[in-house]
Amino acid sequence: MNGEMAWDRARWLWLLALVGGISFFVAVFLRLDGPAIWVWKTTGVAFLSAWAAANARNRDGWMIAAALGFGALGDFLLDAVGMMPGAAAFAVGHLIAITLYLGNRRTPMTGSQKLLATTVVPLALVIAWGLAKNAEAGLMGAAVGYTAIVAAMAATAWASRFPRYRTGIGAMLFLASDLFIFAGEGGALSKDITLWLVWPLYFAGQALIAWGVVSTLAQEARA
């Protein structure tokens, strides 16, 4: 990783992102709350966004920085305001990311790659409905609608030219983290179980997405 990331600017922001994101699991485990905790929660992805901005050389670079920035805003709003405002911020970030990935489609794609990209959205919708079907009607509808956007982001990330074993897998981990949220909210899994899964999957996903996109764009600009 060190050799591959020798190109990057402001690596201290990347390291701060890892410290912020990994350390926040302590707050998750201890179930801490309050304004200082909400800010702590944003540090991981906020520093990823700042790192992406520091390395941005073109429109695509600024787009991934913006997508991550809306993710950090969503992290804050989920706890400080509520689920719907937080989900709205995340949705904006996902739409920016989808636009980025569609503009960087992989060609050609193998049959298995096409199959995964085309089945992610319907499969995720079925899973989300199954997990949230026992929740109140409004929450179930929001869960399915939001899942469609996240799954579209994951599918387009997988079909993009960015490294699948970083950006592609990162987007799938992001989707999985949201499905575990719905599993906890809908009662399909105990929140004592989802507690151990949601944040690690989410932050690992965001870090892998950022690493894959930013490194690819920056290396191309440097060549």
C-alpha atoms as a PDB file:
ATOM      1  CA  MET A   1       0.000   0.000   0.000  1.00  0.00           C
ATOM      2  CA  ASN A   2       2.803   2.454   0.810  1.00  0.00           C
ATOM      3  CA  GLY A   3       4.416   2.081  -2.615  1.00  0.00           C
ATOM      4  CA  GLU A   4       1.137   2.310  -4.434  1.00  0.00           C
ATOM      5  CA  MET A   5       0.128   5.464  -2.552  1.00  0.00           C
ATOM      6  CA  ALA A   6       3.465   7.248  -3.010  1.00  0.00           C
ATOM      7  CA  TRP A   7       1.738   9.568  -5.480  1.00  0.00           C
ATOM      8  CA  ASP A   8      -0.727  11.082  -3.047  1.00  0.00           C
ATOM      9  CA  ARG A   9      -0.926  14.545  -1.554  1.00  0.00           C
ATOM     10  CA  ALA A  10      -1.723  15.228   2.101  1.00  0.00           C
ATOM     11  CA  ARG A  11      -1.357  11.647   3.257  1.00  0.00           C
ATOM     12  CA  TRP A  12      -1.811  12.940   6.799  1.00  0.00           C
ATOM     13  CA  LEU A  13      -5.497  13.450   5.935  1.00  0.00           C
ATOM     14  CA  TRP A  14      -5.762   9.781   4.921  1.00  0.00           C
ATOM     15  CA  LEU A  15      -4.152   8.737   8.199  1.00  0.00           C
ATOM     16  CA  LEU A  16      -6.454  11.020  10.200  1.00  0.00           C
ATOM     17  CA  ALA A  17      -9.416   9.483   8.376  1.00  0.00           C
ATOM     18  CA  LEU A  18      -8.323   5.997   9.432  1.00  0.00           C
ATOM     19  CA  VAL A  19      -7.802   7.122  13.029  1.00  0.00           C
ATOM     20  CA  GLY A  20     -11.197   8.842  13.145  1.00  0.00           C
ATOM     21  CA  GLY A  21     -13.119   6.032  11.482  1.00  0.00           C
ATOM     22  CA  ILE A  22     -11.511   3.144  13.329  1.00  0.00           C
ATOM     23  CA  SER A  23     -11.525   4.821  16.736  1.00  0.00           C
ATOM     24  CA  PHE A  24     -15.237   5.639  16.459  1.00  0.00           C
ATOM     25  CA  PHE A  25     -16.044   1.985  16.966  1.00  0.00           C
ATOM     26  CA  VAL A  26     -15.238   2.624  20.627  1.00  0.00           C
ATOM     27  CA  ALA A  27     -18.146   5.080  20.760  1.00  0.00           C
ATOM     28  CA  VAL A  28     -20.362   2.563  18.950  1.00  0.00           C
ATOM     29  CA  PHE A  29     -19.444  -0.238  21.354  1.00  0.00           C
ATOM     30  CA  LEU A  30     -19.960   1.929  24.434  1.00  0.00           C
ATOM     31  CA  ARG A  31     -23.159   3.426  22.923  1.00  0.00           C
ATOM     32  CA  LEU A  32     -22.020   6.967  23.572  1.00  0.00           C
ATOM     33  CA  ASP A  33     -24.155   9.889  22.435  1.00  0.00           C
ATOM     34  CA  GLY A  34     -24.134  13.673  22.376  1.00  0.00           C
ATOM     35  CA  PRO A  35     -22.846  16.520  20.168  1.00  0.00           C
ATOM     36  CA  ALA A  36     -19.163  15.659  20.650  1.00  0.00           C
ATOM     37  CA  ILE A  37     -19.875  12.049  19.630  1.00  0.00           C
ATOM     38  CA  TRP A  38     -21.776  13.193  16.532  1.00  0.00           C
ATOM     39  CA  VAL A  39     -18.763  15.245  15.460  1.00  0.00           C
ATOM     40  CA  TRP A  40     -16.416  12.339  16.206  1.00  0.00           C
ATOM     41  CA  LYS A  41     -18.559  10.157  13.985  1.00  0.00           C
ATOM     42  CA  THR A  42     -18.048  12.471  11.002  1.00  0.00           C
ATOM     43  CA  THR A  43     -14.260  12.618  11.253  1.00  0.00           C
ATOM     44  CA  GLY A  44     -13.486   9.420   9.359  1.00  0.00           C
ATOM     45  CA  VAL A  45     -15.388  10.178   6.176  1.00  0.00           C
ATOM     46  CA  ALA A  46     -14.899  13.949   6.467  1.00  0.00           C
ATOM     47  CA  PHE A  47     -11.125  13.447   6.372  1.00  0.00           C
ATOM     48  CA  LEU A  48     -11.546  11.029   3.448  1.00  0.00           C
ATOM     49  CA  SER A  49     -13.416  13.794   1.642  1.00  0.00           C
ATOM     50  CA  ALA A  50     -10.700  16.329   2.481  1.00  0.00           C
ATOM     51  CA  TRP A  51      -8.030  13.881   1.281  1.00  0.00           C
ATOM     52  CA  ALA A  52      -9.923  13.350  -1.976  1.00  0.00           C
ATOM     53  CA  ALA A  53     -10.203  17.126  -2.441  1.00  0.00           C
ATOM     54  CA  ALA A  54      -6.476  17.570  -1.803  1.00  0.00           C
ATOM     55  CA  ASN A  55      -5.769  15.070  -4.576  1.00  0.00           C
ATOM     56  CA  ALA A  56      -8.447  16.276  -7.010  1.00  0.00           C
ATOM     57  CA  ARG A  57      -7.059  17.257 -10.393  1.00  0.00           C
ATOM     58  CA  ASN A  58     -10.248  17.285 -12.445  1.00  0.00           C
ATOM     59  CA  ARG A  59     -14.068  17.125 -12.300  1.00  0.00           C
ATOM     60  CA  ASP A  60     -14.099  13.428 -11.373  1.00  0.00           C
ATOM     61  CA  GLY A  61     -11.760  14.081  -8.458  1.00  0.00           C
ATOM     62  CA  TRP A  62     -14.031  16.781  -7.107  1.00  0.00           C
ATOM     63  CA  MET A  63     -17.061  14.533  -7.584  1.00  0.00           C
ATOM     64  CA  ILE A  64     -15.699  11.779  -5.344  1.00  0.00           C
ATOM     65  CA  ALA A  65     -14.729  14.422  -2.779  1.00  0.00           C
ATOM     66  CA  ALA A  66     -18.306  15.760  -2.874  1.00  0.00           C
ATOM     67  CA  ALA A  67     -19.836  12.277  -2.607  1.00  0.00           C
ATOM     68  CA  LEU A  68     -17.744  11.572   0.479  1.00  0.00           C
ATOM     69  CA  GLY A  69     -18.560  15.007   1.886  1.00  0.00           C
ATOM     70  CA  PHE A  70     -22.288  14.305   1.709  1.00  0.00           C
ATOM     71  CA  GLY A  71     -21.577  10.968   3.401  1.00  0.00           C
ATOM     72  CA  ALA A  72     -19.934  12.791   6.303  1.00  0.00           C
ATOM     73  CA  LEU A  73     -22.905  15.162   6.480  1.00  0.00           C
ATOM     74  CA  GLY A  74     -25.223  12.154   6.542  1.00  0.00           C
ATOM     75  CA  ASP A  75     -23.238  10.640   9.411  1.00  0.00           C
ATOM     76  CA  PHE A  76     -23.835  13.785  11.453  1.00  0.00           C
ATOM     77  CA  LEU A  77     -27.493  14.305  10.546  1.00  0.00           C
ATOM     78  CA  LEU A  78     -28.500  10.705  11.297  1.00  0.00           C
ATOM     79  CA  ASP A  79     -27.762  11.216  14.988  1.00  0.00           C
ATOM     80  CA  ALA A  80     -28.139  14.988  15.375  1.00  0.00           C
ATOM     81  CA  VAL A  81     -31.435  15.385  13.488  1.00  0.00           C
ATOM     82  CA  GLY A  82     -32.903  12.052  12.435  1.00  0.00           C
ATOM     83  CA  MET A  83     -32.888   9.183   9.969  1.00  0.00           C
ATOM     84  CA  MET A  84     -34.692  10.922   7.095  1.00  0.00           C
ATOM     85  CA  PRO A  85     -32.417  14.019   6.878  1.00  0.00           C
ATOM     86  CA  GLY A  86     -29.372  11.777   7.203  1.00  0.00           C
ATOM     87  CA  ALA A  87     -30.618   9.444   4.488  1.00  0.00           C
ATOM     88  CA  ALA A  88     -31.323  12.439   2.235  1.00  0.00           C
ATOM     89  CA  ALA A  89     -27.712  13.630   2.565  1.00  0.00           C
ATOM     90  CA  PHE A  90     -26.443  10.144   1.792  1.00  0.00           C
ATOM     91  CA  ALA A  91     -28.780   9.914  -1.202  1.00  0.00           C
ATOM     92  CA  VAL A  92     -27.317  13.106  -2.679  1.00  0.00           C
ATOM     93  CA  GLY A  93     -23.835  11.666  -2.241  1.00  0.00           C
ATOM     94  CA  HIS A  94     -24.886   8.399  -3.897  1.00  0.00           C
ATOM     95  CA  LEU A  95     -26.365  10.237  -6.882  1.00  0.00           C
ATOM     96  CA  ILE A  96     -23.095  12.128  -7.349  1.00  0.00           C
ATOM     97  CA  ALA A  97     -21.193   8.838  -7.118  1.00  0.00           C
ATOM     98  CA  ILE A  98     -23.533   7.155  -9.620  1.00  0.00           C
ATOM     99  CA  THR A  99     -22.933   9.997 -12.077  1.00  0.00           C
ATOM    100  CA  LEU A 100     -19.180   9.601 -11.568  1.00  0.00           C
ATOM    101  CA  TYR A 101     -19.260   5.838 -12.120  1.00  0.00           C
ATOM    102  CA  LEU A 102     -21.501   6.043 -15.189  1.00  0.00           C
ATOM    103  CA  GLY A 103     -19.036   8.480 -16.711  1.00  0.00           C
ATOM    104  CA  ASN A 104     -16.244   5.972 -16.057  1.00  0.00           C
ATOM    105  CA  ARG A 105     -17.804   2.724 -17.254  1.00  0.00           C
ATOM    106  CA  ARG A 106     -15.578  -0.331 -17.663  1.00  0.00           C
ATOM    107  CA  THR A 107     -15.292  -1.678 -21.202  1.00  0.00           C
ATOM    108  CA  PRO A 108     -15.417  -4.488 -21.943  1.00  0.00           C
ATOM    109  CA  MET A 109     -17.048  -6.379 -19.064  1.00  0.00           C
ATOM    110  CA  THR A 110     -17.063 -10.140 -18.633  1.00  0.00           C
ATOM    111  CA  GLY A 111     -20.335 -12.048 -18.391  1.00  0.00           C
ATOM    112  CA  SER A 112     -19.973 -12.556 -14.645  1.00  0.00           C
ATOM    113  CA  GLN A 113     -19.283  -8.855 -14.121  1.00  0.00           C
ATOM    114  CA  LYS A 114     -22.390  -7.918 -16.098  1.00  0.00           C
ATOM    115  CA  LEU A 115     -24.461 -10.470 -14.186  1.00  0.00           C
ATOM    116  CA  LEU A 116     -23.426  -9.074 -10.805  1.00  0.00           C
ATOM    117  CA  ALA A 117     -23.956  -5.468 -11.892  1.00  0.00           C
ATOM    118  CA  THR A 118     -27.464  -6.189 -13.180  1.00  0.00           C
ATOM    119  CA  THR A 119     -28.625  -8.336 -10.254  1.00  0.00           C
ATOM    120  CA  VAL A 120     -27.400  -6.164  -7.374  1.00  0.00           C
ATOM    121  CA  VAL A 121     -30.355  -3.751  -7.416  1.00  0.00           C
ATOM    122  CA  PRO A 122     -33.252  -6.264  -7.613  1.00  0.00           C
ATOM    123  CA  LEU A 123     -31.577  -8.614  -5.128  1.00  0.00           C
ATOM    124  CA  ALA A 124     -30.923  -5.790  -2.655  1.00  0.00           C
ATOM    125  CA  LEU A 125     -34.539  -4.601  -2.955  1.00  0.00           C
ATOM    126  CA  VAL A 126     -35.861  -8.081  -2.160  1.00  0.00           C
ATOM    127  CA  ILE A 127     -33.536  -8.356   0.839  1.00  0.00           C
ATOM    128  CA  ALA A 128     -34.441  -4.864   2.090  1.00  0.00           C
ATOM    129  CA  TRP A 129     -38.152  -5.619   1.825  1.00  0.00           C
ATOM    130  CA  GLY A 130     -37.703  -8.899   3.678  1.00  0.00           C
ATOM    131  CA  LEU A 131     -35.713  -7.231   6.450  1.00  0.00           C
ATOM    132  CA  ALA A 132     -37.995  -4.212   6.883  1.00  0.00           C
ATOM    133  CA  LYS A 133     -41.408  -5.787   6.218  1.00  0.00           C
ATOM    134  CA  ASN A 134     -42.224  -5.928   9.931  1.00  0.00           C
ATOM    135  CA  ALA A 135     -41.347  -2.283  10.460  1.00  0.00           C
ATOM    136  CA  GLU A 136     -43.922   0.498  10.229  1.00  0.00           C
ATOM    137  CA  ALA A 137     -45.107   1.245   6.703  1.00  0.00           C
ATOM    138  CA  GLY A 138     -43.285   4.563   6.387  1.00  0.00           C
ATOM    139  CA  LEU A 139     -39.968   3.065   7.452  1.00  0.00           C
ATOM    140  CA  MET A 140     -40.379   0.091   5.129  1.00  0.00           C
ATOM    141  CA  GLY A 141     -41.072   2.353   2.145  1.00  0.00           C
ATOM    142  CA  ALA A 142     -38.119   4.578   2.967  1.00  0.00           C
ATOM    143  CA  ALA A 143     -35.857   1.557   3.427  1.00  0.00           C
ATOM    144  CA  VAL A 144     -36.755   0.092   0.042  1.00  0.00           C
ATOM    145  CA  GLY A 145     -36.487   3.441  -1.745  1.00  0.00           C
ATOM    146  CA  TYR A 146     -33.139   4.269  -0.185  1.00  0.00           C
ATOM    147  CA  THR A 147     -31.849   0.760  -0.869  1.00  0.00           C
ATOM    148  CA  ALA A 148     -32.580   1.259  -4.571  1.00  0.00           C
ATOM    149  CA  ILE A 149     -30.251   4.267  -4.625  1.00  0.00           C
ATOM    150  CA  VAL A 150     -27.475   2.590  -2.607  1.00  0.00           C
ATOM    151  CA  ALA A 151     -27.701  -0.577  -4.696  1.00  0.00           C
ATOM    152  CA  ALA A 152     -27.527   1.477  -7.909  1.00  0.00           C
ATOM    153  CA  MET A 153     -24.397   3.135  -6.541  1.00  0.00           C
ATOM    154  CA  ALA A 154     -22.876  -0.269  -5.759  1.00  0.00           C
ATOM    155  CA  ALA A 155     -23.809  -1.686  -9.173  1.00  0.00           C
ATOM    156  CA  THR A 156     -22.371   1.258 -11.106  1.00  0.00           C
ATOM    157  CA  ALA A 157     -19.226   1.206  -8.933  1.00  0.00           C
ATOM    158  CA  TRP A 158     -18.731  -2.475  -9.759  1.00  0.00           C
ATOM    159  CA  ALA A 159     -19.254  -1.748 -13.473  1.00  0.00           C
ATOM    160  CA  SER A 160     -16.895   1.239 -13.447  1.00  0.00           C
ATOM    161  CA  ARG A 161     -13.248   1.259 -14.517  1.00  0.00           C
ATOM    162  CA  PHE A 162     -12.126   1.874 -10.935  1.00  0.00           C
ATOM    163  CA  PRO A 163     -10.498  -1.118  -9.169  1.00  0.00           C
ATOM    164  CA  ARG A 164     -13.171  -3.662  -8.281  1.00  0.00           C
ATOM    165  CA  TYR A 165     -11.179  -4.971  -5.316  1.00  0.00           C
ATOM    166  CA  ARG A 166     -11.198  -1.497  -3.799  1.00  0.00           C
ATOM    167  CA  THR A 167     -14.003   0.702  -5.126  1.00  0.00           C
ATOM    168  CA  GLY A 168     -16.255  -2.169  -6.219  1.00  0.00           C
ATOM    169  CA  ILE A 169     -15.976  -4.157  -3.008  1.00  0.00           C
ATOM    170  CA  GLY A 170     -16.109  -0.958  -0.948  1.00  0.00           C
ATOM    171  CA  ALA A 171     -19.448  -0.054  -2.516  1.00  0.00           C
ATOM    172  CA  MET A 172     -20.769  -3.562  -1.800  1.00  0.00           C
ATOM    173  CA  LEU A 173     -19.677  -3.253   1.844  1.00  0.00           C
ATOM    174  CA  PHE A 174     -21.514   0.084   2.040  1.00  0.00           C
ATOM    175  CA  LEU A 175     -24.666  -1.597   0.732  1.00  0.00           C
ATOM    176  CA  ALA A 176     -24.270  -4.456   3.203  1.00  0.00           C
ATOM    177  CA  SER A 177     -23.953  -2.027   6.112  1.00  0.00           C
ATOM    178  CA  ASP A 178     -27.256  -0.403   5.211  1.00  0.00           C
ATOM    179  CA  LEU A 179     -28.986  -3.759   4.905  1.00  0.00           C
ATOM    180  CA  PHE A 180     -27.783  -4.631   8.405  1.00  0.00           C
ATOM    181  CA  ILE A 181     -29.248  -1.336   9.653  1.00  0.00           C
ATOM    182  CA  PHE A 182     -32.621  -2.368   8.234  1.00  0.00           C
ATOM    183  CA  ALA A 183     -32.212  -5.828   9.745  1.00  0.00           C
ATOM    184  CA  GLY A 184     -31.803  -4.230  13.172  1.00  0.00           C
ATOM    185  CA  GLU A 185     -34.607  -1.704  12.734  1.00  0.00           C
ATOM    186  CA  GLY A 186     -37.007  -4.303  11.324  1.00  0.00           C
ATOM    187  CA  GLY A 187     -36.268  -6.861  14.034  1.00  0.00           C
ATOM    188  CA  ALA A 188     -34.771  -9.474  11.711  1.00  0.00           C
ATOM    189  CA  LEU A 189     -31.538  -9.317  13.728  1.00  0.00           C
ATOM    190  CA  SER A 190     -30.838  -8.135  17.229  1.00  0.00           C
ATOM    191  CA  LYS A 191     -29.237  -4.706  17.424  1.00  0.00           C
ATOM    192  CA  ASP A 192     -26.688  -6.323  19.725  1.00  0.00           C
ATOM    193  CA  ILE A 193     -25.533  -8.200  16.609  1.00  0.00           C
ATOM    194  CA  THR A 194     -25.818  -5.415  14.050  1.00  0.00           C
ATOM    195  CA  LEU A 195     -23.872  -3.172  16.432  1.00  0.00           C
ATOM    196  CA  TRP A 196     -20.732  -5.136  15.530  1.00  0.00           C
ATOM    197  CA  LEU A 197     -21.340  -5.027  11.778  1.00  0.00           C
ATOM    198  CA  VAL A 198     -22.776  -1.717  10.596  1.00  0.00           C
ATOM    199  CA  TRP A 199     -19.974   0.728  11.381  1.00  0.00           C
ATOM    200  CA  PRO A 200     -17.008  -1.500  10.386  1.00  0.00           C
ATOM    201  CA  LEU A 201     -18.656  -2.392   7.066  1.00  0.00           C
ATOM    202  CA  TYR A 202     -19.653   1.214   6.411  1.00  0.00           C
ATOM    203  CA  PHE A 203     -16.314   2.843   7.145  1.00  0.00           C
ATOM    204  CA  ALA A 204     -14.288   0.113   5.438  1.00  0.00           C
ATOM    205  CA  GLY A 205     -16.546   0.576   2.412  1.00  0.00           C
ATOM    206  CA  GLN A 206     -16.072   4.337   2.306  1.00  0.00           C
ATOM    207  CA  ALA A 207     -12.297   4.022   2.746  1.00  0.00           C
ATOM    208  CA  LEU A 208     -12.012   1.455  -0.058  1.00  0.00           C
ATOM    209  CA  ILE A 209     -14.197   3.556  -2.368  1.00  0.00           C
ATOM    210  CA  ALA A 210     -12.052   6.617  -1.729  1.00  0.00           C
ATOM    211  CA  TRP A 211      -8.783   4.724  -2.111  1.00  0.00           C
ATOM    212  CA  GLY A 212      -9.795   3.138  -5.414  1.00  0.00           C
ATOM    213  CA  VAL A 213     -11.162   6.264  -7.085  1.00  0.00           C
ATOM    214  CA  VAL A 214      -8.660   8.816  -5.776  1.00  0.00           C
ATOM    215  CA  SER A 215      -5.606   6.654  -6.468  1.00  0.00           C
ATOM    216  CA  THR A 216      -6.728   5.873 -10.007  1.00  0.00           C
ATOM    217  CA  LEU A 217      -7.465   9.481 -10.920  1.00  0.00           C
ATOM    218  CA  ALA A 218      -4.337  10.880  -9.275  1.00  0.00           C
ATOM    219  CA  GLN A 219      -2.039   8.316 -10.877  1.00  0.00           C
ATOM    220  CA  GLU A 220      -3.516   9.070 -14.296  1.00  0.00           C
ATOM    221  CA  ALA A 221      -3.039  12.806 -13.792  1.00  0.00           C
ATOM    222  CA  ARG A 222       0.567  12.195 -12.700  1.00  0.00           C
ATOM    223  CA  ALA A 223       1.411  10.007 -15.710  1.00  0.00           C
END
